[in-house]
């Protein structure tokens, strides 16, 4: 790729995403924190009632699926 513009267009990226990728490469602590978050098993916080947690999780997944549908 010759230019930043080509990189952004080919991979449908925003400039902030490239900046975050650079931070992940340079900041070991941030990279470790993100990796730990990716690998963690979701768990309902004790102070959140189960029905509220389930509703929030369902809405989150619906939004993610809608985003994927829009992109296709």
Protein backbone atom coordinates (compact mmCIF):
# COMPACT_ATOMS: atom_id res chain seq x y z
CA UNK A 1 0.00 0.00 0.00
CA UNK A 2 1.37 3.32 -0.97
CA UNK A 3 -0.66 5.65 1.19
CA UNK A 4 -2.51 5.84 4.45
CA UNK A 5 -5.67 6.62 2.49
CA UNK A 6 -5.33 3.31 0.61
CA UNK A 7 -4.84 1.43 3.87
CA UNK A 8 -7.93 3.01 5.40
CA UNK A 9 -10.07 2.37 2.32
CA UNK A 10 -8.92 -1.21 1.70
CA UNK A 11 -9.61 -2.26 5.27
CA UNK A 12 -12.53 0.08 5.97
CA UNK A 13 -10.68 1.68 8.88
CA UNK A 14 -10.86 5.05 10.56
CA UNK A 15 -7.69 6.91 11.47
CA UNK A 16 -8.39 6.43 15.19
CA UNK A 17 -8.37 2.66 14.71
CA UNK A 18 -4.89 2.81 13.20
CA UNK A 19 -3.78 4.96 16.13
CA UNK A 20 -5.18 2.43 18.57
CA UNK A 21 -3.41 -0.42 16.74
CA UNK A 22 -0.16 1.51 17.11
CA UNK A 23 -0.79 1.97 20.84
CA UNK A 24 -1.37 -1.77 21.19
CA UNK A 25 1.98 -2.45 19.53
CA UNK A 26 3.87 0.01 21.72
CA UNK A 27 2.13 -0.33 25.10
CA UNK A 28 2.69 -3.74 26.67
CA UNK A 29 0.39 -2.98 29.60
CA UNK A 30 -2.48 -1.93 27.34
CA UNK A 31 -1.96 -4.96 25.09
CA UNK A 32 -2.02 -7.30 28.09
CA UNK A 33 -5.16 -5.65 29.48
CA UNK A 34 -6.99 -6.00 26.14
CA UNK A 35 -5.90 -9.64 25.78
CA UNK A 36 -7.07 -10.39 29.33
CA UNK A 37 -10.43 -8.76 28.57
CA UNK A 38 -10.81 -10.79 25.35
CA UNK A 39 -10.11 -14.04 27.20
CA UNK A 40 -12.28 -13.34 30.25
CA UNK A 41 -15.54 -15.19 30.75
CA UNK A 42 -18.47 -12.80 31.09
CA UNK A 43 -19.96 -12.73 34.55
CA UNK A 44 -22.91 -10.84 35.94
CA UNK A 45 -21.89 -8.28 38.56
CA UNK A 46 -23.37 -9.14 41.96
CA UNK A 47 -25.24 -5.83 42.20
CA UNK A 48 -27.07 -6.32 38.85
CA UNK A 49 -30.28 -8.39 39.02
CA UNK A 50 -30.23 -11.42 36.68
CA UNK A 51 -33.18 -10.26 34.51
CA UNK A 52 -31.49 -6.89 33.89
CA UNK A 53 -28.22 -8.59 32.97
CA UNK A 54 -29.94 -10.97 30.57
CA UNK A 55 -31.86 -8.11 28.92
CA UNK A 56 -28.64 -6.08 28.51
CA UNK A 57 -26.80 -9.07 26.98
CA UNK A 58 -29.66 -9.74 24.56
CA UNK A 59 -29.81 -6.10 23.46
CA UNK A 60 -26.03 -6.03 23.00
CA UNK A 61 -26.14 -9.08 20.73
CA UNK A 62 -29.07 -7.68 18.75
CA UNK A 63 -27.12 -4.47 18.11
CA UNK A 64 -24.05 -6.43 17.01
CA UNK A 65 -26.13 -8.57 14.65
CA UNK A 66 -27.81 -5.47 13.22
CA UNK A 67 -24.39 -3.94 12.56
CA UNK A 68 -23.28 -7.06 10.72
CA UNK A 69 -26.49 -7.12 8.68
CA UNK A 70 -26.03 -3.46 7.69
CA UNK A 71 -22.43 -4.11 6.63
CA UNK A 72 -23.39 -7.06 4.39
